[in-house]
Amino acid sequence: MEATVAERGQITLPKAVRDALGLTKGTILKVELDGGRIILRKDVSEALRKVRGRFRLVDGHASTDDALRASRGRAPGDPVEP
């Protein structure tokens, strides 16, 4: 796939790319340089902000760590027992 840089420095991403990544008008992309490559990343921080606090833990767990301990036996950061 190719994209051409327009007079004002804009490019149009191919429709297949936009569809595959769920990019719509107003989607924010993070732009990074890696040597001679341009890396575009979809900014998901706004989507995370919208859902933060909307989900509740089941079975009366006070925290995510408590829920993980109940299901896995340990949570991230817990010491590993030999």
PDB file of N, CA and C in Angstrom:
ATOM      1  N   MET A   1       0.836  -1.176   0.000  1.00  0.00           N
ATOM      2  CA  MET A   1       0.000   0.000   0.000  1.00  0.00           C
ATOM      3  C   MET A   1       0.881   1.240   0.000  1.00  0.00           C
ATOM      4  N   GLU A   2       0.350   2.283  -0.576  1.00  0.00           N
ATOM      5  CA  GLU A   2       1.080   3.544  -0.633  1.00  0.00           C
ATOM      6  C   GLU A   2       0.179   4.691  -0.220  1.00  0.00           C
ATOM      7  N   ALA A   3       0.804   5.761   0.242  1.00  0.00           N
ATOM      8  CA  ALA A   3       0.105   7.006   0.533  1.00  0.00           C
ATOM      9  C   ALA A   3       1.005   8.135   0.041  1.00  0.00           C
ATOM     10  N   THR A   4       0.409   9.156  -0.536  1.00  0.00           N
ATOM     11  CA  THR A   4       1.167  10.281  -1.071  1.00  0.00           C
ATOM     12  C   THR A   4       1.037  11.477  -0.136  1.00  0.00           C
ATOM     13  N   VAL A   5       2.149  12.161   0.088  1.00  0.00           N
ATOM     14  CA  VAL A   5       2.135  13.363   0.911  1.00  0.00           C
ATOM     15  C   VAL A   5       1.590  14.510   0.053  1.00  0.00           C
ATOM     16  N   ALA A   6       0.534  15.161   0.531  1.00  0.00           N
ATOM     17  CA  ALA A   6      -0.088  16.270  -0.197  1.00  0.00           C
ATOM     18  C   ALA A   6       0.688  17.561   0.024  1.00  0.00           C
ATOM     19  N   GLU A   7       0.262  18.614  -0.643  1.00  0.00           N
ATOM     20  CA  GLU A   7       0.945  19.910  -0.597  1.00  0.00           C
ATOM     21  C   GLU A   7       1.087  20.448   0.822  1.00  0.00           C
ATOM     22  N   ARG A   8       0.067  20.244   1.654  1.00  0.00           N
ATOM     23  CA  ARG A   8       0.108  20.760   3.027  1.00  0.00           C
ATOM     24  C   ARG A   8       0.714  19.756   4.008  1.00  0.00           C
ATOM     25  N   GLY A   9       1.339  18.690   3.522  1.00  0.00           N
ATOM     26  CA  GLY A   9       1.997  17.712   4.386  1.00  0.00           C
ATOM     27  C   GLY A   9       1.068  16.636   4.894  1.00  0.00           C
ATOM     28  N   GLN A  10      -0.149  16.577   4.383  1.00  0.00           N
ATOM     29  CA  GLN A  10      -1.119  15.580   4.837  1.00  0.00           C
ATOM     30  C   GLN A  10      -1.026  14.318   3.991  1.00  0.00           C
ATOM     31  N   ILE A  11      -1.376  13.192   4.622  1.00  0.00           N
ATOM     32  CA  ILE A  11      -1.483  11.935   3.874  1.00  0.00           C
ATOM     33  C   ILE A  11      -2.861  11.345   4.142  1.00  0.00           C
ATOM     34  N   THR A  12      -3.328  10.539   3.221  1.00  0.00           N
ATOM     35  CA  THR A  12      -4.574   9.807   3.415  1.00  0.00           C
ATOM     36  C   THR A  12      -4.206   8.345   3.596  1.00  0.00           C
ATOM     37  N   LEU A  13      -4.605   7.785   4.730  1.00  0.00           N
ATOM     38  CA  LEU A  13      -4.338   6.368   4.969  1.00  0.00           C
ATOM     39  C   LEU A  13      -5.300   5.550   4.126  1.00  0.00           C
ATOM     40  N   PRO A  14      -4.827   4.467   3.527  1.00  0.00           N
ATOM     41  CA  PRO A  14      -5.715   3.640   2.723  1.00  0.00           C
ATOM     42  C   PRO A  14      -6.908   3.146   3.542  1.00  0.00           C
ATOM     43  N   LYS A  15      -8.062   3.017   2.891  1.00  0.00           N
ATOM     44  CA  LYS A  15      -9.295   2.621   3.562  1.00  0.00           C
ATOM     45  C   LYS A  15      -9.135   1.291   4.287  1.00  0.00           C
ATOM     46  N   ALA A  16      -8.409   0.355   3.699  1.00  0.00           N
ATOM     47  CA  ALA A  16      -8.215  -0.953   4.335  1.00  0.00           C
ATOM     48  C   ALA A  16      -7.519  -0.799   5.692  1.00  0.00           C
ATOM     49  N   VAL A  17      -6.565   0.125   5.782  1.00  0.00           N
ATOM     50  CA  VAL A  17      -5.851   0.370   7.034  1.00  0.00           C
ATOM     51  C   VAL A  17      -6.797   1.011   8.045  1.00  0.00           C
ATOM     52  N   ARG A  18      -7.539   2.040   7.605  1.00  0.00           N
ATOM     53  CA  ARG A  18      -8.485   2.712   8.503  1.00  0.00           C
ATOM     54  C   ARG A  18      -9.522   1.736   9.040  1.00  0.00           C
ATOM     55  N   ASP A  19     -10.051   0.895   8.169  1.00  0.00           N
ATOM     56  CA  ASP A  19     -11.063  -0.083   8.590  1.00  0.00           C
ATOM     57  C   ASP A  19     -10.483  -1.107   9.554  1.00  0.00           C
ATOM     58  N   ALA A  20      -9.284  -1.603   9.258  1.00  0.00           N
ATOM     59  CA  ALA A  20      -8.670  -2.637  10.100  1.00  0.00           C
ATOM     60  C   ALA A  20      -8.392  -2.123  11.514  1.00  0.00           C
ATOM     61  N   LEU A  21      -8.059  -0.830  11.627  1.00  0.00           N
ATOM     62  CA  LEU A  21      -7.726  -0.261  12.934  1.00  0.00           C
ATOM     63  C   LEU A  21      -8.890   0.482  13.579  1.00  0.00           C
ATOM     64  N   GLY A  22     -10.012   0.552  12.895  1.00  0.00           N
ATOM     65  CA  GLY A  22     -11.167   1.244  13.446  1.00  0.00           C
ATOM     66  C   GLY A  22     -10.955   2.744  13.545  1.00  0.00           C
ATOM     67  N   LEU A  23     -10.203   3.300  12.592  1.00  0.00           N
ATOM     68  CA  LEU A  23      -9.925   4.738  12.595  1.00  0.00           C
ATOM     69  C   LEU A  23     -11.095   5.479  11.955  1.00  0.00           C
ATOM     70  N   THR A  24     -11.600   6.475  12.660  1.00  0.00           N
ATOM     71  CA  THR A  24     -12.690   7.289  12.150  1.00  0.00           C
ATOM     72  C   THR A  24     -12.291   8.755  12.262  1.00  0.00           C
ATOM     73  N   LYS A  25     -13.129   9.630  11.728  1.00  0.00           N
ATOM     74  CA  LYS A  25     -12.849  11.062  11.792  1.00  0.00           C
ATOM     75  C   LYS A  25     -12.644  11.477  13.249  1.00  0.00           C
ATOM     76  N   GLY A  26     -11.537  12.160  13.507  1.00  0.00           N
ATOM     77  CA  GLY A  26     -11.243  12.627  14.858  1.00  0.00           C
ATOM     78  C   GLY A  26     -10.386  11.693  15.687  1.00  0.00           C
ATOM     79  N   THR A  27     -10.108  10.475  15.188  1.00  0.00           N
ATOM     80  CA  THR A  27      -9.236   9.553  15.912  1.00  0.00           C
ATOM     81  C   THR A  27      -7.846  10.176  16.039  1.00  0.00           C
ATOM     82  N   ILE A  28      -7.288  10.148  17.235  1.00  0.00           N
ATOM     83  CA  ILE A  28      -5.955  10.712  17.469  1.00  0.00           C
ATOM     84  C   ILE A  28      -4.916   9.616  17.283  1.00  0.00           C
ATOM     85  N   LEU A  29      -3.884   9.923  16.500  1.00  0.00           N
ATOM     86  CA  LEU A  29      -2.782   8.998  16.277  1.00  0.00           C
ATOM     87  C   LEU A  29      -1.520   9.579  16.909  1.00  0.00           C
ATOM     88  N   LYS A  30      -0.777   8.740  17.602  1.00  0.00           N
ATOM     89  CA  LYS A  30       0.532   9.126  18.136  1.00  0.00           C
ATOM     90  C   LYS A  30       1.552   8.893  17.028  1.00  0.00           C
ATOM     91  N   VAL A  31       2.438   9.864  16.798  1.00  0.00           N
ATOM     92  CA  VAL A  31       3.439   9.773  15.739  1.00  0.00           C
ATOM     93  C   VAL A  31       4.809   9.627  16.388  1.00  0.00           C
ATOM     94  N   GLU A  32       5.537   8.586  15.988  1.00  0.00           N
ATOM     95  CA  GLU A  32       6.878   8.336  16.520  1.00  0.00           C
ATOM     96  C   GLU A  32       7.842   8.138  15.359  1.00  0.00           C
ATOM     97  N   LEU A  33       9.074   8.524  15.572  1.00  0.00           N
ATOM     98  CA  LEU A  33      10.129   8.280  14.593  1.00  0.00           C
ATOM     99  C   LEU A  33      11.043   7.190  15.120  1.00  0.00           C
ATOM    100  N   ASP A  34      11.382   6.261  14.252  1.00  0.00           N
ATOM    101  CA  ASP A  34      12.290   5.170  14.601  1.00  0.00           C
ATOM    102  C   ASP A  34      13.307   5.065  13.467  1.00  0.00           C
ATOM    103  N   GLY A  35      14.399   5.797  13.622  1.00  0.00           N
ATOM    104  CA  GLY A  35      15.372   5.845  12.528  1.00  0.00           C
ATOM    105  C   GLY A  35      14.716   6.509  11.326  1.00  0.00           C
ATOM    106  N   GLY A  36      14.610   5.781  10.222  1.00  0.00           N
ATOM    107  CA  GLY A  36      13.985   6.308   9.018  1.00  0.00           C
ATOM    108  C   GLY A  36      12.532   5.901   8.867  1.00  0.00           C
ATOM    109  N   ARG A  37      11.936   5.367   9.932  1.00  0.00           N
ATOM    110  CA  ARG A  37      10.542   4.918   9.854  1.00  0.00           C
ATOM    111  C   ARG A  37       9.632   5.838  10.650  1.00  0.00           C
ATOM    112  N   ILE A  38       8.398   5.959  10.193  1.00  0.00           N
ATOM    113  CA  ILE A  38       7.359   6.675  10.927  1.00  0.00           C
ATOM    114  C   ILE A  38       6.419   5.617  11.495  1.00  0.00           C
ATOM    115  N   ILE A  39       6.166   5.701  12.791  1.00  0.00           N
ATOM    116  CA  ILE A  39       5.256   4.755  13.439  1.00  0.00           C
ATOM    117  C   ILE A  39       4.035   5.524  13.909  1.00  0.00           C
ATOM    118  N   LEU A  40       2.862   5.084  13.483  1.00  0.00           N
ATOM    119  CA  LEU A  40       1.600   5.684  13.915  1.00  0.00           C
ATOM    120  C   LEU A  40       0.937   4.715  14.871  1.00  0.00           C
ATOM    121  N   ARG A  41       0.544   5.211  16.033  1.00  0.00           N
ATOM    122  CA  ARG A  41      -0.155   4.387  17.025  1.00  0.00           C
ATOM    123  C   ARG A  41      -1.473   5.053  17.368  1.00  0.00           C
ATOM    124  N   LYS A  42      -2.502   4.238  17.442  1.00  0.00           N
ATOM    125  CA  LYS A  42      -3.816   4.742  17.819  1.00  0.00           C
ATOM    126  C   LYS A  42      -3.796   5.105  19.297  1.00  0.00           C
ATOM    127  N   ASP A  43      -4.225   6.323  19.625  1.00  0.00           N
ATOM    128  CA  ASP A  43      -4.267   6.783  21.011  1.00  0.00           C
ATOM    129  C   ASP A  43      -5.520   6.214  21.669  1.00  0.00           C
ATOM    130  N   VAL A  44      -5.342   5.357  22.664  1.00  0.00           N
ATOM    131  CA  VAL A  44      -6.481   4.722  23.331  1.00  0.00           C
ATOM    132  C   VAL A  44      -6.778   5.339  24.693  1.00  0.00           C
ATOM    133  N   SER A  45      -6.035   6.390  25.061  1.00  0.00           N
ATOM    134  CA  SER A  45      -6.227   6.960  26.392  1.00  0.00           C
ATOM    135  C   SER A  45      -7.634   7.529  26.571  1.00  0.00           C
ATOM    136  N   GLU A  46      -8.205   8.147  25.532  1.00  0.00           N
ATOM    137  CA  GLU A  46      -9.563   8.698  25.646  1.00  0.00           C
ATOM    138  C   GLU A  46     -10.582   7.574  25.814  1.00  0.00           C
ATOM    139  N   ALA A  47     -10.412   6.485  25.084  1.00  0.00           N
ATOM    140  CA  ALA A  47     -11.328   5.348  25.213  1.00  0.00           C
ATOM    141  C   ALA A  47     -11.254   4.753  26.613  1.00  0.00           C
ATOM    142  N   LEU A  48     -10.052   4.668  27.180  1.00  0.00           N
ATOM    143  CA  LEU A  48      -9.895   4.144  28.531  1.00  0.00           C
ATOM    144  C   LEU A  48     -10.534   5.072  29.557  1.00  0.00           C
ATOM    145  N   ARG A  49     -10.393   6.387  29.346  1.00  0.00           N
ATOM    146  CA  ARG A  49     -11.016   7.349  30.254  1.00  0.00           C
ATOM    147  C   ARG A  49     -12.537   7.195  30.277  1.00  0.00           C
ATOM    148  N   LYS A  50     -13.117   6.902  29.121  1.00  0.00           N
ATOM    149  CA  LYS A  50     -14.573   6.781  29.029  1.00  0.00           C
ATOM    150  C   LYS A  50     -15.109   5.576  29.797  1.00  0.00           C
ATOM    151  N   VAL A  51     -14.349   4.482  29.851  1.00  0.00           N
ATOM    152  CA  VAL A  51     -14.841   3.270  30.513  1.00  0.00           C
ATOM    153  C   VAL A  51     -14.352   3.130  31.948  1.00  0.00           C
ATOM    154  N   ARG A  52     -13.409   3.952  32.355  1.00  0.00           N
ATOM    155  CA  ARG A  52     -12.878   3.854  33.712  1.00  0.00           C
ATOM    156  C   ARG A  52     -14.003   4.028  34.735  1.00  0.00           C
ATOM    157  N   GLY A  53     -14.091   3.093  35.663  1.00  0.00           N
ATOM    158  CA  GLY A  53     -15.079   3.165  36.724  1.00  0.00           C
ATOM    159  C   GLY A  53     -16.437   2.595  36.364  1.00  0.00           C
ATOM    160  N   ARG A  54     -16.612   2.092  35.152  1.00  0.00           N
ATOM    161  CA  ARG A  54     -17.915   1.560  34.735  1.00  0.00           C
ATOM    162  C   ARG A  54     -18.097   0.085  35.074  1.00  0.00           C
ATOM    163  N   PHE A  55     -17.030  -0.593  35.410  1.00  0.00           N
ATOM    164  CA  PHE A  55     -17.112  -2.020  35.685  1.00  0.00           C
ATOM    165  C   PHE A  55     -16.891  -2.283  37.165  1.00  0.00           C
ATOM    166  N   ARG A  56     -17.623  -3.234  37.684  1.00  0.00           N
ATOM    167  CA  ARG A  56     -17.489  -3.591  39.094  1.00  0.00           C
ATOM    168  C   ARG A  56     -16.880  -4.984  39.199  1.00  0.00           C
ATOM    169  N   LEU A  57     -16.154  -5.195  40.285  1.00  0.00           N
ATOM    170  CA  LEU A  57     -15.596  -6.514  40.544  1.00  0.00           C
ATOM    171  C   LEU A  57     -16.696  -7.414  41.092  1.00  0.00           C
ATOM    172  N   VAL A  58     -16.703  -8.662  40.646  1.00  0.00           N
ATOM    173  CA  VAL A  58     -17.720  -9.600  41.115  1.00  0.00           C
ATOM    174  C   VAL A  58     -17.286 -10.273  42.410  1.00  0.00           C
ATOM    175  N   ASP A  59     -18.206 -10.925  43.051  1.00  0.00           N
ATOM    176  CA  ASP A  59     -17.947 -11.718  44.258  1.00  0.00           C
ATOM    177  C   ASP A  59     -17.428 -10.878  45.424  1.00  0.00           C
ATOM    178  N   GLY A  60     -17.710  -9.585  45.429  1.00  0.00           N
ATOM    179  CA  GLY A  60     -17.369  -8.744  46.572  1.00  0.00           C
ATOM    180  C   GLY A  60     -15.891  -8.482  46.773  1.00  0.00           C
ATOM    181  N   HIS A  61     -15.067  -8.636  45.748  1.00  0.00           N
ATOM    182  CA  HIS A  61     -13.633  -8.349  45.882  1.00  0.00           C
ATOM    183  C   HIS A  61     -13.431  -6.845  46.021  1.00  0.00           C
ATOM    184  N   ALA A  62     -12.536  -6.467  46.914  1.00  0.00           N
ATOM    185  CA  ALA A  62     -12.279  -5.050  47.170  1.00  0.00           C
ATOM    186  C   ALA A  62     -11.368  -4.427  46.122  1.00  0.00           C
ATOM    187  N   SER A  63     -10.534  -5.237  45.459  1.00  0.00           N
ATOM    188  CA  SER A  63      -9.596  -4.703  44.475  1.00  0.00           C
ATOM    189  C   SER A  63      -9.348  -5.742  43.390  1.00  0.00           C
ATOM    190  N   THR A  64      -8.737  -5.292  42.330  1.00  0.00           N
ATOM    191  CA  THR A  64      -8.364  -6.202  41.250  1.00  0.00           C
ATOM    192  C   THR A  64      -7.366  -7.238  41.763  1.00  0.00           C
ATOM    193  N   ASP A  65      -6.437  -6.811  42.609  1.00  0.00           N
ATOM    194  CA  ASP A  65      -5.455  -7.746  43.167  1.00  0.00           C
ATOM    195  C   ASP A  65      -6.146  -8.847  43.968  1.00  0.00           C
ATOM    196  N   ASP A  66      -7.166  -8.491  44.756  1.00  0.00           N
ATOM    197  CA  ASP A  66      -7.918  -9.514  45.510  1.00  0.00           C
ATOM    198  C   ASP A  66      -8.592 -10.497  44.568  1.00  0.00           C
ATOM    199  N   ALA A  67      -9.161  -9.991  43.477  1.00  0.00           N
ATOM    200  CA  ALA A  67      -9.819 -10.873  42.503  1.00  0.00           C
ATOM    201  C   ALA A  67      -8.802 -11.799  41.854  1.00  0.00           C
ATOM    202  N   LEU A  68      -7.611 -11.270  41.515  1.00  0.00           N
ATOM    203  CA  LEU A  68      -6.568 -12.112  40.928  1.00  0.00           C
ATOM    204  C   LEU A  68      -6.089 -13.168  41.907  1.00  0.00           C
ATOM    205  N   ARG A  69      -5.925 -12.797  43.167  1.00  0.00           N
ATOM    206  CA  ARG A  69      -5.512 -13.786  44.171  1.00  0.00           C
ATOM    207  C   ARG A  69      -6.549 -14.897  44.298  1.00  0.00           C
ATOM    208  N   ALA A  70      -7.820 -14.549  44.224  1.00  0.00           N
ATOM    209  CA  ALA A  70      -8.887 -15.551  44.340  1.00  0.00           C
ATOM    210  C   ALA A  70      -8.888 -16.489  43.137  1.00  0.00           C
ATOM    211  N   SER A  71      -8.601 -15.965  41.939  1.00  0.00           N
ATOM    212  CA  SER A  71      -8.657 -16.814  40.751  1.00  0.00           C
ATOM    213  C   SER A  71      -7.326 -17.484  40.417  1.00  0.00           C
ATOM    214  N   ARG A  72      -6.200 -16.796  40.690  1.00  0.00           N
ATOM    215  CA  ARG A  72      -4.884 -17.328  40.303  1.00  0.00           C
ATOM    216  C   ARG A  72      -4.028 -17.755  41.481  1.00  0.00           C
ATOM    217  N   GLY A  73      -4.393 -17.320  42.680  1.00  0.00           N
ATOM    218  CA  GLY A  73      -3.584 -17.648  43.841  1.00  0.00           C
ATOM    219  C   GLY A  73      -2.563 -16.578  44.167  1.00  0.00           C
ATOM    220  N   ARG A  74      -2.340 -15.617  43.240  1.00  0.00           N
ATOM    221  CA  ARG A  74      -1.428 -14.520  43.499  1.00  0.00           C
ATOM    222  C   ARG A  74      -1.747 -13.374  42.561  1.00  0.00           C
ATOM    223  N   ALA A  75      -1.277 -12.221  42.903  1.00  0.00           N
ATOM    224  CA  ALA A  75      -1.473 -11.023  42.081  1.00  0.00           C
ATOM    225  C   ALA A  75      -0.126 -10.484  41.672  1.00  0.00           C
ATOM    226  N   PRO A  76      -0.068  -9.621  40.621  1.00  0.00           N
ATOM    227  CA  PRO A  76       1.215  -9.029  40.245  1.00  0.00           C
ATOM    228  C   PRO A  76       1.855  -8.323  41.432  1.00  0.00           C
ATOM    229  N   GLY A  77       3.128  -8.558  41.615  1.00  0.00           N
ATOM    230  CA  GLY A  77       3.845  -7.925  42.717  1.00  0.00           C
ATOM    231  C   GLY A  77       3.905  -8.774  43.969  1.00  0.00           C
ATOM    232  N   ASP A  78       3.058  -9.805  44.045  1.00  0.00           N
ATOM    233  CA  ASP A  78       3.126 -10.713  45.201  1.00  0.00           C
ATOM    234  C   ASP A  78       4.415 -11.506  45.118  1.00  0.00           C
ATOM    235  N   PRO A  79       5.033 -11.823  46.253  1.00  0.00           N
ATOM    236  CA  PRO A  79       6.244 -12.645  46.215  1.00  0.00           C
ATOM    237  C   PRO A  79       5.920 -14.040  45.707  1.00  0.00           C
ATOM    238  N   VAL A  80       6.854 -14.585  44.937  1.00  0.00           N
ATOM    239  CA  VAL A  80       6.687 -15.930  44.396  1.00  0.00           C
ATOM    240  C   VAL A  80       7.208 -16.920  45.436  1.00  0.00           C
ATOM    241  N   GLU A  81       6.341 -17.836  45.804  1.00  0.00           N
ATOM    242  CA  GLU A  81       6.735 -18.838  46.804  1.00  0.00           C
ATOM    243  C   GLU A  81       7.358 -20.039  46.087  1.00  0.00           C
ATOM    244  N   PRO A  82       8.477 -20.540  46.606  1.00  0.00           N
ATOM    245  CA  PRO A  82       9.146 -21.682  45.964  1.00  0.00           C
ATOM    246  C   PRO A  82       8.371 -22.968  46.083  1.00  0.00           C
TER     247      PRO A  82
END
